[in-house]
Amino acid sequence: MDISDQLKNLFPDHVPEESNTPEPEKPDYWLQDAPIICKYEKRKGKPITILEGYTGSDADFKKLAKELKSYLSVGGSFKNETIIIQGDYRDKIMDFLKQKGFKVKRVGG
């Protein structure tokens, strides 16, 4: 006797609701065909990760930058159609973007 049978015995008048399977999430961003370029640089001796090549709207790119910064718990900025993240987080950023549905290309090492 499984749990559903036991619950039916305890509550005979109860009608179970249909299980709501979550619908697949619609992307919050415009997904482009060309890959986003993910590269590593050092500026003033400190490592940074730069994302560029997004052809969607600036609002979407800013929203993506905010999500990346909160996901990685690091600082960063959005300037001149590029996202600058403090530190070398290329692998984590690439995994995050792939989960969102973007194509990512690693440049520079």
N, C-alpha and C. Protein backbone atom coordinates (compact mmCIF):
# COMPACT_ATOMS: atom_id res chain seq x y z
N MET A 1 0.85 -1.17 0.00
CA MET A 1 0.00 0.00 0.00
C MET A 1 0.90 1.24 0.00
N ASP A 2 0.75 2.06 -1.01
CA ASP A 2 1.59 3.25 -1.07
C ASP A 2 0.89 4.44 -0.41
N ILE A 3 1.55 5.56 -0.42
CA ILE A 3 1.06 6.75 0.29
C ILE A 3 -0.26 7.27 -0.27
N SER A 4 -0.46 7.18 -1.57
CA SER A 4 -1.71 7.68 -2.15
C SER A 4 -2.91 6.85 -1.69
N ASP A 5 -2.71 5.54 -1.54
CA ASP A 5 -3.79 4.68 -1.03
C ASP A 5 -4.10 4.99 0.44
N GLN A 6 -3.07 5.24 1.21
CA GLN A 6 -3.26 5.58 2.62
C GLN A 6 -4.01 6.91 2.76
N LEU A 7 -3.66 7.88 1.91
CA LEU A 7 -4.36 9.16 1.95
C LEU A 7 -5.82 9.02 1.54
N LYS A 8 -6.10 8.14 0.58
CA LYS A 8 -7.49 7.90 0.17
C LYS A 8 -8.30 7.32 1.31
N ASN A 9 -7.67 6.44 2.10
CA ASN A 9 -8.36 5.86 3.26
C ASN A 9 -8.63 6.90 4.33
N LEU A 10 -7.68 7.81 4.54
CA LEU A 10 -7.85 8.84 5.57
C LEU A 10 -8.85 9.92 5.16
N PHE A 11 -8.79 10.30 3.88
CA PHE A 11 -9.63 11.39 3.37
C PHE A 11 -10.42 10.91 2.16
N PRO A 12 -11.51 10.18 2.35
CA PRO A 12 -12.23 9.60 1.21
C PRO A 12 -12.93 10.64 0.33
N ASP A 13 -13.26 11.83 0.87
CA ASP A 13 -13.97 12.83 0.08
C ASP A 13 -13.03 13.73 -0.73
N HIS A 14 -11.75 13.64 -0.45
CA HIS A 14 -10.78 14.52 -1.12
C HIS A 14 -10.55 14.08 -2.57
N VAL A 15 -10.59 15.07 -3.46
CA VAL A 15 -10.29 14.81 -4.87
C VAL A 15 -8.92 15.39 -5.16
N PRO A 16 -7.95 14.55 -5.52
CA PRO A 16 -6.60 15.07 -5.76
C PRO A 16 -6.56 15.95 -7.01
N GLU A 17 -5.77 17.01 -6.91
CA GLU A 17 -5.59 17.90 -8.06
C GLU A 17 -4.66 17.25 -9.07
N GLU A 18 -4.81 17.66 -10.30
CA GLU A 18 -3.91 17.16 -11.33
C GLU A 18 -2.53 17.76 -11.09
N SER A 19 -1.53 16.97 -11.35
CA SER A 19 -0.17 17.48 -11.15
C SER A 19 0.15 18.50 -12.25
N ASN A 20 0.60 19.64 -11.81
CA ASN A 20 0.95 20.71 -12.76
C ASN A 20 2.42 20.57 -13.10
N THR A 21 2.69 20.15 -14.31
CA THR A 21 4.07 20.09 -14.74
C THR A 21 4.46 21.48 -15.22
N PRO A 22 5.60 21.98 -14.77
CA PRO A 22 5.99 23.33 -15.18
C PRO A 22 6.30 23.37 -16.67
N GLU A 23 5.85 24.43 -17.30
CA GLU A 23 6.13 24.62 -18.71
C GLU A 23 7.59 25.04 -18.86
N PRO A 24 8.20 24.71 -19.98
CA PRO A 24 9.58 25.15 -20.17
C PRO A 24 9.64 26.68 -20.17
N GLU A 25 10.70 27.20 -19.54
CA GLU A 25 10.82 28.65 -19.42
C GLU A 25 11.07 29.28 -20.79
N LYS A 26 10.39 30.39 -20.99
CA LYS A 26 10.66 31.16 -22.19
C LYS A 26 11.89 32.01 -21.92
N PRO A 27 12.75 32.15 -22.89
CA PRO A 27 13.96 32.94 -22.63
C PRO A 27 13.60 34.41 -22.37
N ASP A 28 14.29 34.98 -21.38
CA ASP A 28 14.07 36.38 -21.04
C ASP A 28 14.82 37.30 -22.00
N TYR A 29 15.70 36.72 -22.78
CA TYR A 29 16.58 37.51 -23.64
C TYR A 29 16.37 37.09 -25.09
N TRP A 30 16.82 37.97 -25.95
CA TRP A 30 16.84 37.64 -27.36
C TRP A 30 18.05 36.76 -27.60
N LEU A 31 17.83 35.53 -28.10
CA LEU A 31 18.93 34.60 -28.36
C LEU A 31 19.39 34.76 -29.80
N GLN A 32 20.65 35.01 -29.95
CA GLN A 32 21.21 35.26 -31.27
C GLN A 32 21.86 34.00 -31.83
N ASP A 33 22.12 34.02 -33.13
CA ASP A 33 22.77 32.88 -33.77
C ASP A 33 24.28 32.91 -33.56
N ALA A 34 24.88 34.10 -33.61
CA ALA A 34 26.32 34.24 -33.44
C ALA A 34 26.68 34.05 -31.96
N PRO A 35 27.84 33.46 -31.69
CA PRO A 35 28.21 33.24 -30.29
C PRO A 35 28.65 34.53 -29.60
N ILE A 36 28.49 34.55 -28.29
CA ILE A 36 29.00 35.64 -27.46
C ILE A 36 30.47 35.32 -27.18
N ILE A 37 31.34 36.30 -27.33
CA ILE A 37 32.77 36.12 -27.13
C ILE A 37 33.09 36.30 -25.64
N CYS A 38 33.76 35.31 -25.06
CA CYS A 38 34.15 35.35 -23.65
C CYS A 38 35.67 35.34 -23.61
N LYS A 39 36.28 36.45 -23.17
CA LYS A 39 37.73 36.50 -23.15
C LYS A 39 38.26 37.01 -21.82
N TYR A 40 39.53 36.76 -21.60
CA TYR A 40 40.21 37.06 -20.35
C TYR A 40 41.30 38.09 -20.60
N GLU A 41 41.40 39.05 -19.72
CA GLU A 41 42.45 40.07 -19.81
C GLU A 41 42.92 40.41 -18.40
N LYS A 42 44.05 41.10 -18.35
CA LYS A 42 44.51 41.67 -17.09
C LYS A 42 44.60 43.18 -17.29
N ARG A 43 43.97 43.90 -16.39
CA ARG A 43 44.04 45.36 -16.43
C ARG A 43 44.55 45.82 -15.07
N LYS A 44 45.63 46.59 -15.10
CA LYS A 44 46.27 47.08 -13.88
C LYS A 44 46.64 45.92 -12.96
N GLY A 45 47.03 44.80 -13.56
CA GLY A 45 47.47 43.64 -12.80
C GLY A 45 46.37 42.77 -12.26
N LYS A 46 45.11 43.12 -12.51
CA LYS A 46 44.00 42.35 -11.97
C LYS A 46 43.25 41.64 -13.11
N PRO A 47 42.85 40.40 -12.88
CA PRO A 47 42.16 39.64 -13.94
C PRO A 47 40.71 40.08 -14.11
N ILE A 48 40.27 40.13 -15.35
CA ILE A 48 38.87 40.42 -15.66
C ILE A 48 38.41 39.50 -16.79
N THR A 49 37.12 39.26 -16.83
CA THR A 49 36.50 38.48 -17.90
C THR A 49 35.60 39.43 -18.69
N ILE A 50 35.73 39.42 -20.00
CA ILE A 50 34.99 40.33 -20.86
C ILE A 50 34.05 39.52 -21.76
N LEU A 51 32.80 39.95 -21.83
CA LEU A 51 31.80 39.35 -22.72
C LEU A 51 31.40 40.39 -23.74
N GLU A 52 31.47 40.04 -25.00
CA GLU A 52 31.07 40.97 -26.06
C GLU A 52 30.50 40.21 -27.23
N GLY A 53 29.85 40.93 -28.12
CA GLY A 53 29.30 40.32 -29.32
C GLY A 53 27.81 40.06 -29.26
N TYR A 54 27.12 40.60 -28.27
CA TYR A 54 25.67 40.42 -28.18
C TYR A 54 25.00 41.45 -29.06
N THR A 55 24.08 41.01 -29.93
CA THR A 55 23.46 41.93 -30.88
C THR A 55 22.04 42.31 -30.49
N GLY A 56 21.59 41.87 -29.32
CA GLY A 56 20.24 42.22 -28.87
C GLY A 56 20.20 43.62 -28.28
N SER A 57 19.14 43.93 -27.56
CA SER A 57 18.99 45.26 -27.00
C SER A 57 19.90 45.44 -25.79
N ASP A 58 20.24 46.69 -25.50
CA ASP A 58 21.09 47.00 -24.36
C ASP A 58 20.41 46.62 -23.05
N ALA A 59 19.08 46.76 -22.99
CA ALA A 59 18.35 46.42 -21.76
C ALA A 59 18.52 44.93 -21.43
N ASP A 60 18.44 44.07 -22.46
CA ASP A 60 18.63 42.64 -22.24
C ASP A 60 20.05 42.34 -21.77
N PHE A 61 21.03 43.02 -22.37
CA PHE A 61 22.42 42.79 -22.02
C PHE A 61 22.71 43.27 -20.60
N LYS A 62 22.11 44.39 -20.21
CA LYS A 62 22.27 44.89 -18.84
C LYS A 62 21.65 43.92 -17.83
N LYS A 63 20.48 43.37 -18.19
CA LYS A 63 19.80 42.41 -17.33
C LYS A 63 20.66 41.15 -17.18
N LEU A 64 21.27 40.72 -18.28
CA LEU A 64 22.15 39.56 -18.25
C LEU A 64 23.37 39.84 -17.38
N ALA A 65 23.92 41.05 -17.47
CA ALA A 65 25.07 41.42 -16.65
C ALA A 65 24.72 41.37 -15.17
N LYS A 66 23.56 41.87 -14.82
CA LYS A 66 23.12 41.86 -13.43
C LYS A 66 22.96 40.44 -12.91
N GLU A 67 22.37 39.56 -13.73
CA GLU A 67 22.20 38.16 -13.32
C GLU A 67 23.55 37.46 -13.16
N LEU A 68 24.49 37.75 -14.06
CA LEU A 68 25.81 37.14 -13.96
C LEU A 68 26.53 37.58 -12.70
N LYS A 69 26.47 38.87 -12.41
CA LYS A 69 27.15 39.39 -11.22
C LYS A 69 26.56 38.80 -9.95
N SER A 70 25.25 38.65 -9.89
CA SER A 70 24.65 38.08 -8.69
C SER A 70 24.90 36.57 -8.62
N TYR A 71 24.94 35.89 -9.75
CA TYR A 71 25.22 34.45 -9.78
C TYR A 71 26.64 34.17 -9.29
N LEU A 72 27.59 35.00 -9.71
CA LEU A 72 28.99 34.79 -9.35
C LEU A 72 29.38 35.48 -8.05
N SER A 73 28.53 36.37 -7.56
CA SER A 73 28.80 37.16 -6.35
C SER A 73 30.08 37.97 -6.49
N VAL A 74 30.21 38.64 -7.62
CA VAL A 74 31.38 39.48 -7.88
C VAL A 74 30.91 40.81 -8.45
N GLY A 75 31.84 41.73 -8.56
CA GLY A 75 31.53 43.02 -9.17
C GLY A 75 31.73 42.98 -10.66
N GLY A 76 31.26 44.01 -11.30
CA GLY A 76 31.39 44.10 -12.74
C GLY A 76 30.66 45.32 -13.26
N SER A 77 30.68 45.50 -14.56
CA SER A 77 30.00 46.65 -15.15
C SER A 77 29.59 46.34 -16.58
N PHE A 78 28.75 47.23 -17.11
CA PHE A 78 28.31 47.15 -18.49
C PHE A 78 28.73 48.45 -19.16
N LYS A 79 29.66 48.39 -20.10
CA LYS A 79 30.14 49.59 -20.79
C LYS A 79 30.35 49.27 -22.26
N ASN A 80 29.96 50.19 -23.11
CA ASN A 80 30.24 50.10 -24.55
C ASN A 80 29.88 48.73 -25.14
N GLU A 81 28.69 48.24 -24.82
CA GLU A 81 28.19 46.97 -25.32
C GLU A 81 29.07 45.78 -24.94
N THR A 82 29.74 45.86 -23.79
CA THR A 82 30.51 44.75 -23.25
C THR A 82 30.18 44.61 -21.77
N ILE A 83 30.25 43.40 -21.28
CA ILE A 83 30.11 43.13 -19.85
C ILE A 83 31.50 42.83 -19.32
N ILE A 84 31.88 43.52 -18.26
CA ILE A 84 33.18 43.31 -17.63
C ILE A 84 32.93 42.73 -16.24
N ILE A 85 33.45 41.54 -15.99
CA ILE A 85 33.29 40.85 -14.71
C ILE A 85 34.66 40.79 -14.05
N GLN A 86 34.71 41.15 -12.77
CA GLN A 86 35.98 41.12 -12.04
C GLN A 86 36.36 39.69 -11.72
N GLY A 87 37.55 39.29 -12.15
CA GLY A 87 38.05 37.94 -11.89
C GLY A 87 37.98 37.06 -13.12
N ASP A 88 38.62 35.91 -13.03
CA ASP A 88 38.65 34.95 -14.14
C ASP A 88 37.59 33.89 -13.89
N TYR A 89 36.40 34.09 -14.44
CA TYR A 89 35.29 33.18 -14.27
C TYR A 89 34.78 32.66 -15.61
N ARG A 90 35.68 32.46 -16.57
CA ARG A 90 35.27 32.08 -17.91
C ARG A 90 34.46 30.78 -17.93
N ASP A 91 34.92 29.78 -17.20
CA ASP A 91 34.22 28.48 -17.23
C ASP A 91 32.82 28.59 -16.64
N LYS A 92 32.69 29.25 -15.50
CA LYS A 92 31.38 29.39 -14.86
C LYS A 92 30.44 30.24 -15.71
N ILE A 93 30.98 31.30 -16.32
CA ILE A 93 30.16 32.18 -17.16
C ILE A 93 29.69 31.42 -18.40
N MET A 94 30.58 30.66 -19.00
CA MET A 94 30.21 29.91 -20.19
C MET A 94 29.13 28.87 -19.87
N ASP A 95 29.24 28.19 -18.73
CA ASP A 95 28.21 27.22 -18.33
C ASP A 95 26.88 27.93 -18.08
N PHE A 96 26.92 29.07 -17.41
CA PHE A 96 25.70 29.84 -17.12
C PHE A 96 25.01 30.27 -18.41
N LEU A 97 25.78 30.79 -19.36
CA LEU A 97 25.21 31.25 -20.63
C LEU A 97 24.67 30.10 -21.46
N LYS A 98 25.33 28.96 -21.41
CA LYS A 98 24.84 27.79 -22.15
C LYS A 98 23.52 27.30 -21.57
N GLN A 99 23.38 27.38 -20.24
CA GLN A 99 22.11 27.00 -19.62
C GLN A 99 20.99 27.94 -20.04
N LYS A 100 21.32 29.20 -20.29
CA LYS A 100 20.33 30.17 -20.72
C LYS A 100 19.99 30.02 -22.21
N GLY A 101 20.80 29.26 -22.95
CA GLY A 101 20.51 29.02 -24.36
C GLY A 101 21.42 29.77 -25.31
N PHE A 102 22.42 30.45 -24.81
CA PHE A 102 23.33 31.20 -25.67
C PHE A 102 24.43 30.30 -26.20
N LYS A 103 25.00 30.70 -27.32
CA LYS A 103 26.21 30.06 -27.82
C LYS A 103 27.37 30.92 -27.35
N VAL A 104 28.40 30.29 -26.87
CA VAL A 104 29.53 31.02 -26.29
C VAL A 104 30.82 30.52 -26.92
N LYS A 105 31.72 31.46 -27.21
CA LYS A 105 33.00 31.12 -27.78
C LYS A 105 34.09 31.65 -26.85
N ARG A 106 35.02 30.77 -26.47
CA ARG A 106 36.12 31.15 -25.57
C ARG A 106 37.29 31.66 -26.41
N VAL A 107 37.81 32.82 -26.03
CA VAL A 107 38.90 33.43 -26.77
C VAL A 107 40.03 33.73 -25.80
N GLY A 108 41.25 33.46 -26.19
CA GLY A 108 42.41 33.86 -25.39
C GLY A 108 42.72 32.91 -24.26
N GLY A 109 43.13 31.72 -24.59
CA GLY A 109 43.62 30.79 -23.57
C GLY A 109 42.69 29.80 -23.13
